[in-house]
Protein backbone atom coordinates (compact mmCIF):
# COMPACT_ATOMS: atom_id res chain seq x y z
CA MET A 1 9.75 19.75 153.56
CA VAL A 2 11.57 22.00 151.07
CA ASN A 3 15.05 23.21 152.06
CA SER A 4 16.78 26.26 150.45
CA SER A 5 20.21 25.23 151.86
CA ARG A 6 22.92 25.66 149.15
CA ASN A 7 25.28 23.13 150.84
CA VAL A 8 23.90 19.62 150.51
CA CYS A 9 25.13 16.03 150.14
CA ILE A 10 22.85 13.39 148.61
CA PHE A 11 24.15 10.01 149.33
CA ASN A 12 23.26 6.24 148.95
CA GLY A 13 21.97 6.63 145.36
CA THR A 14 22.83 5.53 141.93
CA VAL A 15 24.33 8.46 140.01
CA LEU A 16 23.41 8.71 136.28
CA SER A 17 25.83 11.38 135.46
CA GLY A 18 24.85 11.93 131.95
CA PHE A 19 27.41 9.58 130.54
CA ALA A 20 28.20 7.00 133.26
CA VAL A 21 26.47 4.99 135.88
CA MET A 22 27.89 5.00 139.48
CA GLU A 23 26.10 2.82 141.89
CA ARG A 24 26.13 3.55 145.73
CA CYS A 25 27.59 7.22 145.24
CA ALA A 26 27.11 10.55 146.82
CA VAL A 27 26.87 14.07 145.22
CA LEU A 28 28.16 17.05 147.22
CA VAL A 29 26.64 20.43 146.31
CA GLU A 30 28.23 23.71 147.37
CA ASP A 31 27.14 27.15 146.49
CA GLY A 32 24.75 26.19 143.74
CA ARG A 33 27.21 23.93 141.97
CA ILE A 34 28.26 20.31 141.94
CA ALA A 35 31.26 20.21 144.14
CA ASP A 36 32.05 16.46 144.14
CA VAL A 37 30.92 13.03 143.24
CA PHE A 38 32.21 10.14 145.25
CA SER A 39 31.54 6.53 146.38
CA GLN A 40 29.42 5.61 149.35
CA LYS A 41 32.67 4.34 151.04
CA ARG A 42 34.28 7.72 150.67
CA PHE A 43 31.06 9.32 151.96
CA GLU A 44 31.23 7.18 155.14
CA GLN A 45 34.84 8.18 155.84
CA ARG A 46 34.29 11.93 155.07
CA HIS A 47 33.78 14.47 157.74
CA PHE A 48 31.14 17.18 156.76
CA GLU A 49 30.73 20.60 158.28
CA SER A 50 27.62 21.36 160.26
CA ASN A 51 26.20 23.61 157.46
CA VAL A 52 26.00 20.71 154.96
CA ARG A 53 22.56 19.01 154.93
CA LEU A 54 22.76 15.21 154.39
CA ILE A 55 20.07 13.57 152.48
CA ASP A 56 19.65 9.75 152.09
CA ALA A 57 18.57 8.89 148.52
CA GLY A 58 17.51 5.44 149.63
CA GLY A 59 18.95 3.77 146.61
CA ALA A 60 17.13 6.01 144.17
CA TYR A 61 18.58 7.36 140.89
CA ILE A 62 20.43 10.81 141.26
CA ALA A 63 20.21 12.25 137.75
CA PRO A 64 20.80 15.62 136.10
CA GLY A 65 17.75 17.77 136.00
CA PHE A 66 15.59 17.13 132.94
CA ILE A 67 15.64 19.77 130.21
CA ASP A 68 12.52 20.04 127.99
CA THR A 69 13.30 22.05 124.89
CA HIS A 70 9.92 21.66 123.43
CA VAL A 71 6.88 22.41 125.66
CA HIS A 72 3.88 24.69 125.19
CA GLY A 73 2.25 24.37 128.64
CA ILE A 74 1.15 22.56 131.74
CA GLY A 75 -1.56 22.69 134.31
CA GLY A 76 -3.75 25.03 132.26
CA TYR A 77 -1.05 27.56 131.76
CA GLY A 78 0.70 27.92 128.33
CA THR A 79 2.84 30.11 126.12
CA GLU A 80 -0.42 30.84 124.06
CA ASP A 81 -1.60 32.92 126.86
CA ALA A 82 1.00 35.57 125.89
CA GLY A 83 0.20 38.53 123.55
CA PHE A 84 -3.45 39.05 124.54
CA MET A 85 -3.71 40.98 127.93
CA PRO A 86 -0.17 41.64 129.38
CA PRO A 87 1.11 40.34 131.65
CA ALA A 88 -0.95 37.12 131.37
CA GLY A 89 1.89 35.47 129.09
CA THR A 90 4.56 36.27 131.69
CA GLU A 91 2.54 34.93 134.51
CA SER A 92 1.67 31.81 132.64
CA VAL A 93 5.29 30.99 131.77
CA LEU A 94 6.22 31.63 135.44
CA ALA A 95 3.44 29.12 136.46
CA MET A 96 4.88 26.68 133.96
CA SER A 97 8.27 27.08 135.66
CA ARG A 98 6.76 26.14 139.01
CA LEU A 99 4.67 23.18 137.79
CA LEU A 100 7.43 21.78 135.56
CA ALA A 101 9.87 21.51 138.32
CA GLY A 102 7.57 19.30 140.24
CA HIS A 103 7.93 16.81 137.48
CA GLY A 104 11.75 16.96 137.57
CA VAL A 105 12.36 19.52 135.00
CA THR A 106 14.96 21.94 135.88
CA ALA A 107 15.18 23.95 132.64
CA PHE A 108 13.05 24.39 129.59
CA ASN A 109 12.41 26.31 126.39
CA PRO A 110 8.92 27.61 126.39
CA THR A 111 7.61 26.86 122.93
CA LEU A 112 5.48 29.48 120.96
CA TYR A 113 3.04 28.72 118.17
CA PRO A 114 3.03 31.15 115.29
CA SER A 115 0.41 33.74 115.30
CA GLU A 116 -0.43 37.10 113.58
CA PRO A 117 2.76 39.26 113.28
CA GLU A 118 2.09 41.84 115.91
CA HIS A 119 0.57 39.42 118.38
CA MET A 120 3.58 37.01 118.02
CA LEU A 121 6.04 39.85 118.61
CA GLN A 122 4.08 40.83 121.73
CA ALA A 123 3.86 37.15 123.01
CA VAL A 124 7.71 36.90 122.55
CA ARG A 125 8.18 40.01 124.69
CA GLU A 126 5.91 38.72 127.50
CA ILE A 127 7.72 35.37 127.69
CA VAL A 128 11.19 36.75 127.74
CA PHE A 129 10.14 39.25 130.40
CA ALA A 130 9.61 36.14 132.73
CA MET A 131 13.36 35.14 132.28
CA GLY A 132 15.22 35.59 135.59
CA ARG A 133 11.88 35.80 137.56
CA GLU A 134 11.16 32.06 137.74
CA GLU A 135 10.90 30.05 140.97
CA GLY A 136 11.07 26.66 139.39
CA ALA A 137 12.63 25.44 136.26
CA ARG A 138 14.96 27.82 134.51
CA ILE A 139 13.59 29.56 131.38
CA MET A 140 16.53 29.14 129.00
CA GLY A 141 15.03 30.94 126.00
CA LEU A 142 12.43 30.74 123.30
CA HIS A 143 11.60 27.89 120.97
CA LEU A 144 9.67 29.29 118.10
CA GLU A 145 7.62 26.47 116.36
CA GLY A 146 7.27 28.42 113.15
CA PRO A 147 6.05 30.57 111.51
CA PHE A 148 8.38 29.47 108.57
CA ILE A 149 6.86 25.96 108.11
CA SER A 150 4.93 23.95 105.63
CA THR A 151 1.23 24.62 105.20
CA GLU A 152 1.13 20.94 104.10
CA ARG A 153 2.36 19.55 107.38
CA LEU A 154 0.58 21.90 109.89
CA GLY A 155 -0.58 19.44 112.61
CA VAL A 156 -2.69 21.77 114.54
CA GLN A 157 -0.91 24.84 113.58
CA ARG A 158 -3.27 27.46 112.00
CA LYS A 159 -2.72 27.80 108.36
CA GLU A 160 -3.25 31.64 108.47
CA THR A 161 -0.33 32.23 110.80
CA VAL A 162 2.17 30.31 108.73
CA ARG A 163 4.41 32.69 106.52
CA PRO A 164 6.96 32.39 103.70
CA VAL A 165 10.45 32.98 104.91
CA ASP A 166 10.61 36.82 105.96
CA LEU A 167 14.02 37.94 107.02
CA GLN A 168 12.73 41.37 108.12
CA PHE A 169 10.11 39.71 110.33
CA MET A 170 12.80 37.38 111.70
CA GLU A 171 14.94 40.35 112.77
CA LYS A 172 11.86 41.83 114.48
CA LEU A 173 11.45 38.54 116.50
CA TRP A 174 15.08 38.54 117.31
CA ASP A 175 14.85 42.19 118.59
CA ALA A 176 11.62 41.52 120.48
CA ALA A 177 13.21 38.52 122.13
CA SER A 178 16.36 40.60 123.10
CA GLY A 179 18.41 37.95 121.46
CA ARG A 180 16.81 35.09 123.64
CA ILE A 181 15.64 32.75 120.86
CA VAL A 182 17.39 29.46 121.40
CA ASN A 183 15.84 27.11 118.71
CA MET A 184 13.40 27.47 115.90
CA THR A 185 11.31 24.91 113.95
CA VAL A 186 11.64 25.51 110.17
CA ALA A 187 10.70 23.70 106.88
CA PRO A 188 14.01 23.33 105.05
CA GLU A 189 12.27 23.11 101.65
CA LEU A 190 10.98 26.80 101.87
CA LYS A 191 12.38 29.46 99.40
CA HIS A 192 14.99 31.67 101.03
CA MET A 193 15.71 29.13 103.74
CA ARG A 194 19.40 29.46 103.03
CA GLU A 195 19.29 33.06 103.87
CA LEU A 196 17.38 32.43 107.06
CA SER A 197 19.78 29.70 107.97
CA LEU A 198 22.85 32.06 107.64
CA PHE A 199 21.08 34.57 109.71
CA CYS A 200 20.38 32.14 112.48
CA ILE A 201 23.94 30.80 112.55
CA LYS A 202 25.23 34.27 113.11
CA LYS A 203 22.72 34.75 115.98
CA GLY A 204 23.42 31.30 117.50
CA ILE A 205 19.84 29.99 116.91
CA ILE A 206 19.57 26.23 116.64
CA LEU A 207 17.49 25.33 113.56
CA GLN A 208 15.42 22.14 113.66
CA ALA A 209 13.49 20.64 110.64
CA GLY A 210 9.85 20.08 111.50
CA HIS A 211 6.44 20.64 110.08
CA THR A 212 8.07 19.92 106.86
CA ASN A 213 7.22 18.50 103.53
CA ALA A 214 10.94 18.19 102.55
CA ASP A 215 12.09 15.46 100.29
CA TYR A 216 15.58 13.93 100.88
CA GLU A 217 17.46 16.47 98.69
CA ASN A 218 15.71 19.36 100.51
CA MET A 219 16.92 17.95 103.80
CA VAL A 220 20.53 17.31 102.78
CA GLU A 221 20.55 21.02 101.58
CA GLY A 222 19.22 22.09 104.85
CA MET A 223 21.89 20.10 106.65
CA GLN A 224 24.48 22.01 104.61
CA THR A 225 23.27 25.23 105.90
CA GLY A 226 23.22 24.13 109.49
CA ILE A 227 19.71 22.51 110.06
CA LEU A 228 21.02 19.68 112.05
CA HIS A 229 18.30 19.07 114.66
CA SER A 230 14.74 17.91 114.05
CA THR A 231 11.34 18.51 115.73
CA HIS A 232 9.27 15.58 116.91
CA LEU A 233 10.65 12.92 114.50
CA PHE A 234 8.05 10.97 112.58
CA ASN A 235 5.34 13.57 113.21
CA ALA A 236 4.37 16.50 110.97
CA MET A 237 6.96 15.55 108.37
CA ARG A 238 7.26 13.79 105.04
CA ARG A 239 7.44 10.06 105.66
CA LEU A 240 10.17 7.44 104.63
CA ASP A 241 9.69 6.14 101.10
CA HIS A 242 11.98 3.62 99.38
CA ARG A 243 12.40 5.78 96.32
CA ASN A 244 12.83 8.91 98.21
CA PRO A 245 13.88 8.79 101.91
CA ASN A 246 12.34 12.20 102.47
CA ALA A 247 12.67 14.02 105.86
CA VAL A 248 12.25 10.96 108.07
CA GLY A 249 14.85 8.98 106.13
CA ALA A 250 17.37 11.73 106.14
CA ILE A 251 17.11 12.05 109.86
CA LEU A 252 17.51 8.30 110.26
CA ILE A 253 20.29 7.97 107.63
CA HIS A 254 22.61 10.72 108.76
CA PRO A 255 24.19 10.30 112.17
CA GLU A 256 25.06 13.94 112.46
CA MET A 257 21.27 14.79 112.51
CA SER A 258 19.77 14.90 116.13
CA CYS A 259 16.11 14.55 116.69
CA GLU A 260 13.28 15.12 119.23
CA ILE A 261 11.23 12.24 120.18
CA ILE A 262 7.82 12.33 121.97
CA ALA A 263 7.81 9.15 123.93
CA ASP A 264 4.17 9.08 124.97
CA GLY A 265 3.47 5.74 123.29
CA PHE A 266 1.00 7.35 120.86
CA HIS A 267 2.93 9.90 118.65
CA VAL A 268 5.46 7.12 117.98
CA HIS A 269 4.71 3.42 118.37
CA PRO A 270 6.63 1.95 121.28
CA ASP A 271 8.31 -0.60 118.81
CA VAL A 272 9.60 2.25 116.57
CA LEU A 273 11.65 3.32 119.63
CA LYS A 274 13.64 0.15 119.22
CA LEU A 275 14.26 1.06 115.58
CA LEU A 276 15.37 4.47 116.66
CA LEU A 277 17.67 3.05 119.37
CA ARG A 278 19.26 0.82 116.91
CA ASP A 279 19.60 3.34 114.06
CA LYS A 280 20.51 6.59 115.77
CA PRO A 281 23.51 7.35 117.89
CA ILE A 282 22.20 7.70 121.45
CA ASP A 283 23.85 11.05 121.72
CA LYS A 284 21.48 12.40 118.96
CA ILE A 285 18.13 11.52 120.66
CA VAL A 286 16.41 14.29 122.60
CA LEU A 287 13.43 13.44 124.64
CA VAL A 288 10.82 16.17 124.65
CA THR A 289 7.10 16.33 125.76
CA ASP A 290 5.59 18.80 123.31
CA GLY A 291 3.25 19.17 126.30
CA LEU A 292 0.14 21.19 125.77
CA LYS A 293 -1.56 23.70 128.14
CA PRO A 294 -3.96 21.20 129.54
CA THR A 295 -1.28 18.68 130.47
CA GLU A 296 -1.95 17.53 134.05
CA GLN A 297 -4.92 19.87 134.22
CA LYS A 298 -7.44 18.24 136.30
CA GLU A 299 -10.67 19.82 135.08
CA GLY A 300 -11.85 20.84 131.60
CA PRO A 301 -12.75 22.31 129.25
CA PHE A 302 -9.31 21.97 127.79
CA PHE A 303 -7.88 24.32 125.17
CA ALA A 304 -4.75 24.32 123.00
CA ASN A 305 -3.72 27.01 120.55
CA GLY A 306 -7.02 28.54 120.79
CA GLU A 307 -9.01 25.41 120.09
CA GLU A 308 -10.92 23.10 122.33
CA VAL A 309 -9.31 19.73 122.73
CA HIS A 310 -10.18 16.45 124.59
CA PHE A 311 -7.93 13.87 126.06
CA GLU A 312 -8.32 10.43 124.31
CA GLY A 313 -6.05 7.47 123.86
CA GLY A 314 -3.23 9.18 125.71
CA VAL A 315 -3.12 12.37 123.51
CA PHE A 316 -5.07 15.53 123.25
CA ARG A 317 -7.12 15.64 120.09
CA ARG A 318 -8.87 18.73 118.43
CA LYS A 319 -12.50 18.42 119.19
CA SER A 320 -13.64 19.75 115.89
CA ASP A 321 -12.04 17.04 113.75
CA ASP A 322 -10.23 14.60 116.11
CA VAL A 323 -6.70 15.45 114.82
CA ILE A 324 -4.02 14.92 117.39
CA ALA A 325 -3.17 18.19 118.84
CA GLY A 326 -0.27 17.25 121.03
CA SER A 327 0.87 15.50 124.06
CA GLY A 328 -0.01 15.24 127.80
CA LEU A 329 3.37 13.80 128.51
CA THR A 330 5.72 14.73 131.30
CA MET A 331 9.49 14.21 131.10
CA ILE A 332 9.54 11.54 133.91
CA ARG A 333 6.89 9.50 132.20
CA GLY A 334 8.71 9.88 128.86
CA ILE A 335 11.77 8.36 130.55
CA GLN A 336 9.68 5.60 132.01
CA ASN A 337 8.29 4.83 128.51
CA LEU A 338 11.76 4.90 127.03
CA VAL A 339 12.96 2.25 129.51
CA SER A 340 9.90 0.25 128.83
CA GLY A 341 10.67 0.40 125.07
CA GLY A 342 14.23 -0.88 125.54
CA PHE A 343 16.39 2.00 126.61
CA SER A 344 18.62 1.48 129.66
CA PRO A 345 17.81 3.96 132.59
CA GLU A 346 21.05 5.73 131.89
CA ASP A 347 20.46 6.23 128.30
CA ALA A 348 16.78 7.29 128.86
CA VAL A 349 18.06 9.91 131.31
CA LYS A 350 20.64 11.03 128.88
CA THR A 351 18.02 11.83 126.18
CA ALA A 352 16.36 13.99 128.74
CA SER A 353 19.47 15.81 130.20
CA PHE A 354 22.81 15.60 128.70
CA ASN A 355 21.68 15.45 125.13
CA PRO A 356 19.48 18.57 125.07
CA ALA A 357 22.17 20.38 126.89
CA GLN A 358 24.64 19.40 124.21
CA VAL A 359 22.28 20.18 121.25
CA MET A 360 21.30 23.57 122.81
CA ARG A 361 24.85 24.36 124.02
CA TYR A 362 23.82 24.68 127.71
CA ASN A 363 27.43 24.16 128.92
CA ASN A 364 26.63 24.36 132.65
CA GLN A 365 23.88 21.88 132.67
CA GLY A 366 22.83 18.30 131.74
CA ALA A 367 25.49 16.33 133.66
CA ILE A 368 26.59 15.68 137.29
CA ILE A 369 30.21 16.50 137.23
CA PRO A 370 32.05 19.06 139.29
CA GLY A 371 31.60 22.77 138.26
CA ARG A 372 28.06 22.27 136.59
CA PHE A 373 24.99 23.82 137.96
CA ALA A 374 23.54 21.81 140.77
CA ASP A 375 20.42 21.09 138.82
CA ILE A 376 19.43 17.52 140.06
CA THR A 377 16.36 15.21 139.97
CA VAL A 378 16.18 12.29 142.17
CA PHE A 379 13.63 9.51 141.22
CA ASP A 380 13.03 6.05 142.48
CA HIS A 381 12.72 2.71 140.63
CA ASN A 382 9.07 3.44 140.16
CA PHE A 383 9.79 6.60 138.34
CA GLU A 384 8.46 8.75 140.98
CA ILE A 385 10.14 12.03 141.73
CA ARG A 386 11.74 12.34 145.16
CA LEU A 387 13.68 15.51 144.99
CA VAL A 388 14.22 18.31 142.65
CA MET A 389 17.22 20.84 143.05
CA ILE A 390 17.80 23.93 140.84
CA GLY A 391 21.04 25.75 141.33
CA GLY A 392 21.51 24.08 144.66
CA LYS A 393 17.99 25.04 145.99
CA ILE A 394 15.69 22.20 146.77
CA VAL A 395 12.23 23.01 145.23
CA LYS A 396 10.55 19.66 145.73
CA GLU A 397 11.28 16.88 148.25
CA ASP A 398 9.46 13.75 148.99
CA PHE A 399 11.65 11.28 150.96
CA GLN A 400 10.48 8.95 153.51
CA LYS A 401 13.98 9.37 155.28
CA CYS A 402 16.00 12.45 155.59
CA VAL A 403 19.02 12.84 157.90
């Protein structure tokens, strides 16, 4: 049963607020926002009007909705569908919104691969056109994973779509997006990166180092121009070396640098998560899925970025050469993997909600405190989603007991 009531009280749960743990608590939602958070004792003493629906969480976790700032697709729908036959891209991103909500995601940044210039501009327009029309997770704005990245650290990016820094093209991308570019993956070592960084600072775009062959000096120079976030740490970047810390070392060494992590157990070894937890402030770790179009797709063939892939060993691999193409992760499974790797449940949830909201400057999301959007995900101790609420509207509900 899905209820669209905007006045709801979820009680008898452990609230992971984003920065604290409150056992046996309740959350009151009014008019689409968090109205109050209080103890179970206060709940039992409180009188509720007849228009407030009461939902027993049954001891489950009540968490801020998950925010996936790096996701390409799910369920056979993806951002790569944009730019070919309008409005296919718009429809695919709206489908992503619905499907992601079922996995506890309440907001996301659809992530676009680079492509030929006119095609990329059209793809940007189609994705932005979906904003405000979603029925599930909020589309916050675009994440551009390129085109200003290193040809030496492509992953499965296509070399012919990667470009030197081009400010005129960047301005076209900004205009095509109607100013809705939130974050952008770049290689700090590229010529004219400083000029690009200054442009993005003025526009409020979060720059993140990724698909980069930067050495340590390049990274420090990039940090000085505002590149203070990083894309899928350890993957598609120059590795740590004892004589030159390079990109990986710079991210680990400097506490001001935040980083994405793909916690699927394959992109990063589970024991490396322990290193990350020890060496990075928890506030600087952002869980992402980097989920591809065939994530959770039941039947093949599977395609990602225009190439056929197959699912093996927990990741999608390009069929032509077996190179890892990306993840089949969902955010709730990522949280589960972080907990298995040594994170506390509250810290794991923080990497999926409060931290991305802070990095992306989403001031109304990412925490369960009065005044914030009522974007809430309830999951049990087996990491199964029980309820998803977006702006006070319940979009998924799977409780044994509702009162």
